Amino acid sequence: MPKHTFQGFVTKTLLTLIVILVIVGVLVGLFISNIQTMIAAGELQGPPRASVATADVSEMQWPVEATAIGSISALKGVILSVESPGIITDLSFKSGQPVQQGTQLMQLDDGSEQAELESVRAAADLTKLSVDRSRQLLERKTISQAEFDVADAEYKQAVARVANVEAMIEKKKIVAPFDGLLGIRRVNVGQYLNPGDTVVSLVSMDPINVTFFMPQKALSYLQKGLPVEVTSDAFEGQVMAGKVGALEAQIDQATRMIEVQAMLPNPDGILRVGMFVNVRIEREKPRAVRAVPASAVLYASFGNSIYVVNPAQEGEGMVATQKFVRLGERRGDYVEVIDGLDATDRVVTDGAFKLYPGAPVMLQDDRAPIPQLAPTPTDA
């Protein structure tokens, strides 16, 4: 290759490299400038704000109470049955019917007993005449005292036989022993019954007992006459008041629980024997507590904490501050805070899991549900 041709090639190559380097340098400069601009903008804008819902710390009056699950039982309750065998000739009640004491409910065939009653009554009348005559003869000293005693004993035996037959007839019928509500009838007219066969159940309805169990430490406040409140899921929103009527004399050795019996009026008969109910006992006057929604608490093995929001020290907006707390009793959607919060704090109730100390926040209080002290969930 001629010398001048080679020199021209080298010159063109160098020029090309220089142009490429200049272009690369310009591009690198533009890229670095854009990165610096974005960093500067990010520093001015700060980290993104977390959306949270907040609520005030609530000052509340919480009742000092104890609760238990109880069972309804009757003051009086029996299974009515017959003592004597026989065929049912009459049923004077319907299933589920309220009855009063003394009402006849059922009659068995007592034809043979009635006939026997007529016979023994006639014999008793005859012996009565005999003893009357013997008494007159004794007054005249016509017979001895021993003869009169024999006649008198025969009369008393006849009267006893009449009473025995009358008792047998009484056993052929069933009479309500107290006021109450009948259960379902288990027999029919014409059916033959043996002694002990079930006819119907009868329970008293007003007043009624509630039986429940409490731990032995409850003996420090349990006493006869202590007010109780009873509620049932069958009658939502309805509270029935009563009083403690009796305490079991001994503690159950297996469970260390004491059986408590309360009595309450049941004029409408809405509470039925065997129902389970919720029992609440107010032990003393309500106490003042500081409470927050339970959703605000972050539970951890090293300590429970709550985030509160405060104005940022630099710039605008709000930031999150973590506070460790000591918790107490929980009721409904609220939990008691014994220590760690001020009354003026505003706590994060929704979105706290994504926060860190000093995190900027954006308040959206309308997104969280309203907490309730006694929530009543509804079926979906």
Protein backbone atom coordinates (compact mmCIF):
# COMPACT_ATOMS: atom_id res chain seq x y z
CA MET A 1 0.00 0.00 0.00
CA PRO A 2 1.39 3.42 -0.89
CA LYS A 3 2.49 5.48 2.08
CA HIS A 4 0.07 8.36 1.52
CA THR A 5 -2.85 5.92 1.29
CA PHE A 6 -2.00 4.31 4.65
CA GLN A 7 -1.70 7.70 6.35
CA GLY A 8 -5.15 8.69 5.08
CA PHE A 9 -6.68 5.50 6.46
CA VAL A 10 -5.20 6.09 9.91
CA THR A 11 -6.41 9.68 9.90
CA LYS A 12 -9.99 8.66 9.06
CA THR A 13 -9.96 5.97 11.76
CA LEU A 14 -8.79 8.41 14.40
CA LEU A 15 -11.43 10.91 13.42
CA THR A 16 -14.12 8.22 13.63
CA LEU A 17 -12.96 7.15 17.11
CA ILE A 18 -12.95 10.73 18.29
CA VAL A 19 -16.51 11.29 17.04
CA ILE A 20 -17.68 8.07 18.75
CA LEU A 21 -16.01 9.06 22.03
CA VAL A 22 -17.61 12.49 21.89
CA ILE A 23 -21.05 10.99 21.30
CA VAL A 24 -20.58 8.47 24.14
CA GLY A 25 -19.41 11.23 26.44
CA VAL A 26 -22.42 13.36 25.64
CA LEU A 27 -24.79 10.42 26.29
CA VAL A 28 -23.08 9.53 29.56
CA GLY A 29 -23.27 13.14 30.66
CA LEU A 30 -26.98 13.32 29.88
CA PHE A 31 -27.62 10.05 31.79
CA ILE A 32 -25.70 11.24 34.85
CA SER A 33 -27.53 14.55 34.73
CA ASN A 34 -30.91 12.80 34.66
CA ILE A 35 -29.96 10.53 37.59
CA GLN A 36 -28.83 13.54 39.64
CA THR A 37 -32.04 15.35 38.80
CA MET A 38 -34.17 12.39 39.92
CA ILE A 39 -32.15 11.99 43.15
CA ALA A 40 -32.56 15.64 43.91
CA ALA A 41 -36.29 15.45 43.23
CA GLY A 42 -36.60 12.36 45.42
CA GLU A 43 -34.78 14.07 48.26
CA LEU A 44 -37.16 16.99 48.03
CA GLN A 45 -40.25 14.79 47.80
CA GLY A 46 -39.28 12.25 50.53
CA PRO A 47 -40.54 8.65 50.95
CA PRO A 48 -44.14 7.83 49.93
CA ARG A 49 -46.79 8.41 52.59
CA ALA A 50 -48.62 5.38 54.03
CA SER A 51 -52.44 5.58 54.12
CA VAL A 52 -53.72 4.91 57.64
CA ALA A 53 -56.88 5.32 59.70
CA THR A 54 -56.68 6.80 63.18
CA ALA A 55 -58.82 7.19 66.30
CA ASP A 56 -58.64 9.08 69.58
CA VAL A 57 -57.83 7.41 72.88
CA SER A 58 -61.19 6.86 74.64
CA GLU A 59 -61.90 7.50 78.31
CA MET A 60 -64.58 4.97 79.32
CA GLN A 61 -66.46 3.66 82.35
CA TRP A 62 -66.28 -0.14 82.31
CA PRO A 63 -68.47 -2.18 84.67
CA VAL A 64 -66.61 -4.46 87.06
CA GLU A 65 -68.40 -7.69 86.25
CA ALA A 66 -68.12 -11.43 85.96
CA THR A 67 -69.71 -13.57 83.26
CA ALA A 68 -70.68 -17.21 82.97
CA ILE A 69 -72.74 -19.61 80.88
CA GLY A 70 -75.83 -20.79 82.71
CA SER A 71 -78.64 -23.28 82.23
CA ILE A 72 -82.33 -22.69 82.90
CA SER A 73 -83.94 -25.02 85.44
CA ALA A 74 -87.38 -25.08 87.03
CA LEU A 75 -88.15 -24.40 90.68
CA LYS A 76 -90.58 -27.30 90.40
CA GLY A 77 -90.55 -29.99 87.76
CA VAL A 78 -91.97 -33.52 87.64
CA ILE A 79 -92.67 -36.35 85.23
CA LEU A 80 -96.30 -37.31 85.85
CA SER A 81 -97.04 -41.05 85.90
CA VAL A 82 -99.56 -43.44 87.44
CA GLU A 83 -99.17 -45.56 90.54
CA SER A 84 -101.78 -48.17 89.59
CA PRO A 85 -102.26 -50.07 86.34
CA GLY A 86 -105.31 -49.51 84.19
CA ILE A 87 -106.84 -48.36 80.94
CA ILE A 88 -107.10 -44.63 80.21
CA THR A 89 -110.73 -43.52 80.01
CA ASP A 90 -110.24 -39.74 79.89
CA LEU A 91 -107.50 -37.21 79.07
CA SER A 92 -108.35 -33.66 80.14
CA PHE A 93 -105.34 -31.77 78.81
CA LYS A 94 -103.48 -30.87 75.63
CA SER A 95 -99.75 -30.83 74.97
CA GLY A 96 -98.09 -27.58 76.01
CA GLN A 97 -101.10 -26.42 78.02
CA PRO A 98 -100.69 -24.28 81.16
CA VAL A 99 -102.53 -25.74 84.14
CA GLN A 100 -103.33 -24.76 87.71
CA GLN A 101 -102.76 -26.78 90.84
CA GLY A 102 -105.52 -29.34 91.45
CA THR A 103 -106.61 -29.65 87.81
CA GLN A 104 -107.43 -33.27 86.91
CA LEU A 105 -105.43 -34.33 83.87
CA MET A 106 -106.17 -38.04 83.37
CA GLN A 107 -108.51 -40.78 84.53
CA LEU A 108 -108.00 -44.56 84.51
CA ASP A 109 -110.81 -47.09 84.53
CA ASP A 110 -111.88 -47.44 88.18
CA GLY A 111 -115.14 -49.39 87.76
CA SER A 112 -114.11 -52.32 89.96
CA GLU A 113 -112.76 -50.00 92.64
CA GLN A 114 -115.99 -48.00 92.68
CA ALA A 115 -117.99 -51.21 93.15
CA GLU A 116 -115.71 -52.30 95.96
CA LEU A 117 -116.13 -48.88 97.53
CA GLU A 118 -119.90 -49.32 97.68
CA SER A 119 -119.41 -52.70 99.37
CA VAL A 120 -117.01 -51.49 102.04
CA ARG A 121 -119.14 -48.40 102.71
CA ALA A 122 -122.17 -50.65 103.31
CA ALA A 123 -120.09 -52.79 105.69
CA ALA A 124 -118.91 -49.65 107.46
CA ASP A 125 -122.49 -48.43 107.89
CA LEU A 126 -123.47 -51.80 109.37
CA THR A 127 -120.60 -51.80 111.85
CA LYS A 128 -121.50 -48.21 112.76
CA LEU A 129 -124.98 -49.33 113.77
CA SER A 130 -123.49 -52.22 115.71
CA VAL A 131 -121.09 -50.04 117.66
CA ASP A 132 -123.86 -47.54 118.43
CA ARG A 133 -126.04 -50.30 119.89
CA SER A 134 -123.07 -51.68 121.83
CA ARG A 135 -122.46 -48.25 123.31
CA GLN A 136 -126.08 -48.07 124.53
CA LEU A 137 -125.85 -51.56 126.02
CA LEU A 138 -122.58 -50.69 127.71
CA GLU A 139 -124.21 -47.66 129.32
CA ARG A 140 -126.88 -49.98 130.73
CA LYS A 141 -124.15 -52.38 131.78
CA THR A 142 -125.77 -55.10 129.70
CA ILE A 143 -122.48 -55.98 127.94
CA SER A 144 -118.92 -55.86 129.10
CA GLN A 145 -116.33 -53.30 128.08
CA ALA A 146 -114.50 -56.02 126.16
CA GLU A 147 -117.52 -56.72 123.99
CA PHE A 148 -117.90 -53.05 123.22
CA ASP A 149 -114.21 -52.79 122.33
CA VAL A 150 -114.60 -55.61 119.81
CA ALA A 151 -117.52 -53.86 118.11
CA ASP A 152 -115.65 -50.54 118.07
CA ALA A 153 -112.56 -52.17 116.53
CA GLU A 154 -114.67 -53.78 113.81
CA TYR A 155 -116.14 -50.37 112.98
CA LYS A 156 -112.70 -48.75 112.79
CA GLN A 157 -111.50 -51.56 110.50
CA ALA A 158 -114.48 -50.98 108.20
CA VAL A 159 -113.73 -47.24 108.05
CA ALA A 160 -110.09 -48.03 107.23
CA ARG A 161 -111.18 -50.33 104.39
CA VAL A 162 -113.30 -47.50 102.97
CA ALA A 163 -110.31 -45.13 103.15
CA ASN A 164 -108.09 -47.73 101.47
CA VAL A 165 -110.47 -48.18 98.54
CA GLU A 166 -110.88 -44.40 98.20
CA ALA A 167 -107.07 -44.10 98.05
CA MET A 168 -106.97 -46.76 95.33
CA ILE A 169 -109.53 -44.76 93.35
CA GLU A 170 -107.46 -41.58 93.77
CA LYS A 171 -104.48 -43.42 92.29
CA LYS A 172 -106.53 -44.00 89.16
CA LYS A 173 -106.28 -40.33 88.21
CA ILE A 174 -103.58 -37.70 87.82
CA VAL A 175 -104.00 -34.19 89.25
CA ALA A 176 -101.60 -31.26 88.67
CA PRO A 177 -99.56 -30.93 91.89
CA PHE A 178 -98.70 -27.24 91.20
CA ASP A 179 -99.19 -24.46 88.66
CA GLY A 180 -97.07 -24.92 85.58
CA LEU A 181 -96.72 -25.75 81.91
CA LEU A 182 -97.34 -29.23 80.55
CA GLY A 183 -95.04 -30.85 78.04
CA ILE A 184 -95.91 -33.21 75.19
CA ARG A 185 -98.54 -35.87 75.93
CA ARG A 186 -97.10 -39.39 75.79
CA VAL A 187 -100.33 -41.44 76.06
CA ASN A 188 -103.75 -41.81 74.40
CA VAL A 189 -107.27 -42.73 75.50
CA GLY A 190 -107.73 -46.50 75.64
CA GLN A 191 -104.06 -47.19 76.29
CA TYR A 192 -103.13 -49.57 79.10
CA LEU A 193 -100.62 -48.14 81.57
CA ASN A 194 -98.36 -49.88 84.04
CA PRO A 195 -97.21 -48.20 87.25
CA GLY A 196 -94.47 -45.67 86.45
CA ASP A 197 -95.35 -45.19 82.76
CA THR A 198 -94.73 -41.58 81.71
CA VAL A 199 -97.83 -39.52 80.92
CA VAL A 200 -96.56 -35.93 80.59
CA SER A 201 -94.01 -33.56 82.12
CA LEU A 202 -94.97 -30.53 84.22
CA VAL A 203 -92.67 -27.63 85.10
CA SER A 204 -93.27 -24.36 86.89
CA MET A 205 -92.47 -21.33 84.71
CA ASP A 206 -92.55 -18.25 86.93
CA PRO A 207 -90.22 -17.66 88.65
CA ILE A 208 -87.44 -19.78 87.19
CA ASN A 209 -83.90 -20.74 88.15
CA VAL A 210 -80.59 -20.16 86.36
CA THR A 211 -77.77 -22.47 87.37
CA PHE A 212 -74.15 -21.61 86.53
CA PHE A 213 -70.61 -22.22 87.79
CA MET A 214 -68.02 -19.70 88.96
CA PRO A 215 -64.34 -20.16 89.96
CA GLN A 216 -63.65 -20.43 93.67
CA LYS A 217 -62.09 -16.94 93.78
CA ALA A 218 -65.59 -15.57 93.08
CA LEU A 219 -66.48 -16.43 96.68
CA SER A 220 -64.92 -13.08 97.62
CA TYR A 221 -67.98 -11.26 96.24
CA LEU A 222 -70.67 -13.89 95.66
CA GLN A 223 -73.54 -13.65 98.12
CA LYS A 224 -77.25 -14.26 98.27
CA GLY A 225 -79.22 -11.38 96.74
CA LEU A 226 -76.45 -10.21 94.38
CA PRO A 227 -78.08 -8.83 91.17
CA VAL A 228 -77.57 -10.77 87.94
CA GLU A 229 -78.52 -10.12 84.33
CA VAL A 230 -79.43 -12.90 81.91
CA THR A 231 -79.48 -12.77 78.10
CA SER A 232 -80.20 -15.42 75.49
CA ASP A 233 -79.38 -15.69 71.81
CA ALA A 234 -83.02 -16.65 71.31
CA PHE A 235 -84.11 -13.16 72.41
CA GLU A 236 -81.40 -10.76 71.25
CA GLY A 237 -81.36 -7.40 72.96
CA GLN A 238 -83.60 -8.53 75.82
CA VAL A 239 -82.08 -8.46 79.30
CA MET A 240 -83.75 -10.27 82.20
CA ALA A 241 -82.82 -9.30 85.76
CA GLY A 242 -82.72 -11.56 88.78
CA LYS A 243 -80.85 -12.22 92.01
CA VAL A 244 -78.55 -14.91 93.35
CA GLY A 245 -80.71 -17.28 95.37
CA ALA A 246 -78.28 -19.91 96.67
CA LEU A 247 -74.67 -21.10 96.61
CA GLU A 248 -73.61 -24.74 96.73
CA ALA A 249 -72.25 -25.65 100.15
CA GLN A 250 -69.02 -27.14 98.77
CA ILE A 251 -66.54 -26.54 95.94
CA ASP A 252 -66.30 -29.18 93.22
CA GLN A 253 -62.97 -30.90 93.90
CA ALA A 254 -62.41 -31.80 90.24
CA THR A 255 -62.97 -28.34 88.74
CA ARG A 256 -62.57 -26.06 91.80
CA MET A 257 -65.80 -24.36 90.73
CA ILE A 258 -68.80 -23.44 92.83
CA GLU A 259 -72.37 -23.93 91.65
CA VAL A 260 -74.54 -20.81 91.84
CA GLN A 261 -78.31 -20.64 91.50
CA ALA A 262 -80.08 -17.41 90.64
CA MET A 263 -83.82 -16.79 90.51
CA LEU A 264 -85.53 -14.46 88.06
CA PRO A 265 -89.10 -13.69 87.07
CA ASN A 266 -90.41 -15.26 83.87
CA PRO A 267 -93.98 -13.94 83.60
CA ASP A 268 -94.24 -14.44 79.83
CA GLY A 269 -92.70 -17.92 79.98
CA ILE A 270 -90.13 -17.11 77.31
CA LEU A 271 -87.33 -18.92 79.12
CA ARG A 272 -87.66 -22.70 78.94
CA VAL A 273 -86.06 -25.36 81.08
CA GLY A 274 -82.81 -26.59 79.57
CA MET A 275 -81.95 -23.39 77.67
CA PHE A 276 -78.40 -22.07 77.94
CA VAL A 277 -78.07 -18.36 78.73
CA ASN A 278 -75.36 -15.77 79.29
CA VAL A 279 -75.12 -14.59 82.88
CA ARG A 280 -73.55 -11.29 83.95
CA ILE A 281 -72.86 -10.34 87.56
CA GLU A 282 -71.98 -6.73 88.38
CA ARG A 283 -69.46 -7.03 91.19
CA GLU A 284 -69.00 -3.34 92.06
CA LYS A 285 -69.24 0.18 90.63
CA PRO A 286 -67.82 0.81 87.11
CA ARG A 287 -64.16 1.85 86.86
CA ALA A 288 -62.55 4.48 84.62
CA VAL A 289 -60.31 3.07 81.88
CA ARG A 290 -58.31 4.36 78.91
CA ALA A 291 -59.08 2.23 75.86
CA VAL A 292 -58.27 2.06 72.14
CA PRO A 293 -59.57 -0.10 69.30
CA ALA A 294 -57.97 -3.54 69.50
CA SER A 295 -56.89 -3.25 65.84
CA ALA A 296 -54.39 -0.57 66.89
CA VAL A 297 -52.23 -2.99 68.90
CA LEU A 298 -49.19 -4.67 67.33
CA TYR A 299 -48.55 -7.80 69.39
CA ALA A 300 -44.96 -9.06 69.69
CA SER A 301 -42.98 -11.33 71.99
CA PHE A 302 -40.67 -8.47 73.03
CA GLY A 303 -43.56 -6.15 73.86
CA ASN A 304 -46.85 -4.84 72.50
CA SER A 305 -46.83 -1.47 70.78
CA ILE A 306 -49.12 1.12 69.21
CA TYR A 307 -48.35 3.73 66.55
CA VAL A 308 -49.52 7.28 67.14
CA VAL A 309 -49.43 10.15 64.64
CA ASN A 310 -47.86 13.56 65.29
CA PRO A 311 -47.04 16.62 63.13
CA ALA A 312 -43.69 16.29 61.36
CA GLN A 313 -40.90 18.33 62.96
CA GLU A 314 -39.59 19.29 59.53
CA GLY A 315 -41.87 20.08 56.64
CA GLU A 316 -45.58 19.43 56.47
CA GLY A 317 -47.74 16.41 57.17
CA MET A 318 -47.87 13.76 59.87
CA VAL A 319 -45.43 11.06 60.92
CA ALA A 320 -45.82 7.85 62.91
CA THR A 321 -44.30 7.32 66.36
CA GLN A 322 -44.14 3.89 67.97
CA LYS A 323 -45.08 3.57 71.66
CA PHE A 324 -44.77 0.41 73.74
CA VAL A 325 -47.81 -0.18 75.94
CA ARG A 326 -49.05 -2.34 78.79
CA LEU A 327 -52.49 -3.75 78.12
CA GLY A 328 -55.34 -4.75 80.41
CA GLU A 329 -58.82 -6.16 79.88
CA ARG A 330 -60.39 -6.51 76.46
CA ARG A 331 -64.07 -5.90 75.78
CA GLY A 332 -65.74 -5.99 72.42
CA ASP A 333 -63.63 -4.10 69.86
CA TYR A 334 -61.69 -2.22 72.55
CA VAL A 335 -58.67 -3.05 74.68
CA GLU A 336 -57.64 -1.30 77.88
CA VAL A 337 -54.27 0.48 77.89
CA ILE A 338 -52.84 0.61 81.40
CA ASP A 339 -49.62 2.42 80.57
CA GLY A 340 -47.80 3.89 77.56
CA LEU A 341 -50.32 6.30 76.00
CA ASP A 342 -51.40 9.86 76.69
CA ALA A 343 -55.05 10.87 76.69
CA THR A 344 -54.35 13.29 73.79
CA ASP A 345 -52.71 10.67 71.53
CA ARG A 346 -54.26 9.73 68.20
CA VAL A 347 -53.56 6.09 67.46
CA VAL A 348 -53.32 4.27 64.14
CA THR A 349 -56.16 1.70 63.95
CA ASP A 350 -55.71 0.52 60.35
CA GLY A 351 -52.48 0.17 58.38
CA ALA A 352 -50.10 0.04 61.35
CA PHE A 353 -48.41 -3.14 60.09
CA LYS A 354 -46.67 -1.21 57.27
CA LEU A 355 -45.31 1.61 59.46
CA TYR A 356 -41.92 2.26 61.01
CA PRO A 357 -40.83 4.95 63.48
CA GLY A 358 -40.84 8.31 61.70
CA ALA A 359 -42.77 7.04 58.67
CA PRO A 360 -44.82 9.76 56.92
CA VAL A 361 -48.53 9.01 56.90
CA MET A 362 -51.64 10.16 55.11
CA LEU A 363 -54.85 10.08 57.17
CA GLN A 364 -57.89 8.30 55.76
CA ASP A 365 -60.03 7.85 58.87
CA ASP A 366 -63.22 7.03 56.98
CA ARG A 367 -61.87 3.70 55.72
CA ALA A 368 -61.87 1.93 59.11
CA PRO A 369 -65.01 0.39 60.70
CA ILE A 370 -66.44 2.03 63.82
CA PRO A 371 -65.42 0.03 66.93
CA GLN A 372 -68.11 -1.00 69.40
CA LEU A 373 -67.92 -1.95 73.05
CA ALA A 374 -70.64 -4.59 72.59
CA PRO A 375 -70.56 -5.60 68.92
CA THR A 376 -73.50 -7.56 67.52
CA PRO A 377 -72.37 -9.32 64.33
CA THR A 378 -75.05 -10.00 61.75
CA ASP A 379 -75.25 -12.93 59.38
CA ALA A 380 -74.00 -12.21 55.91
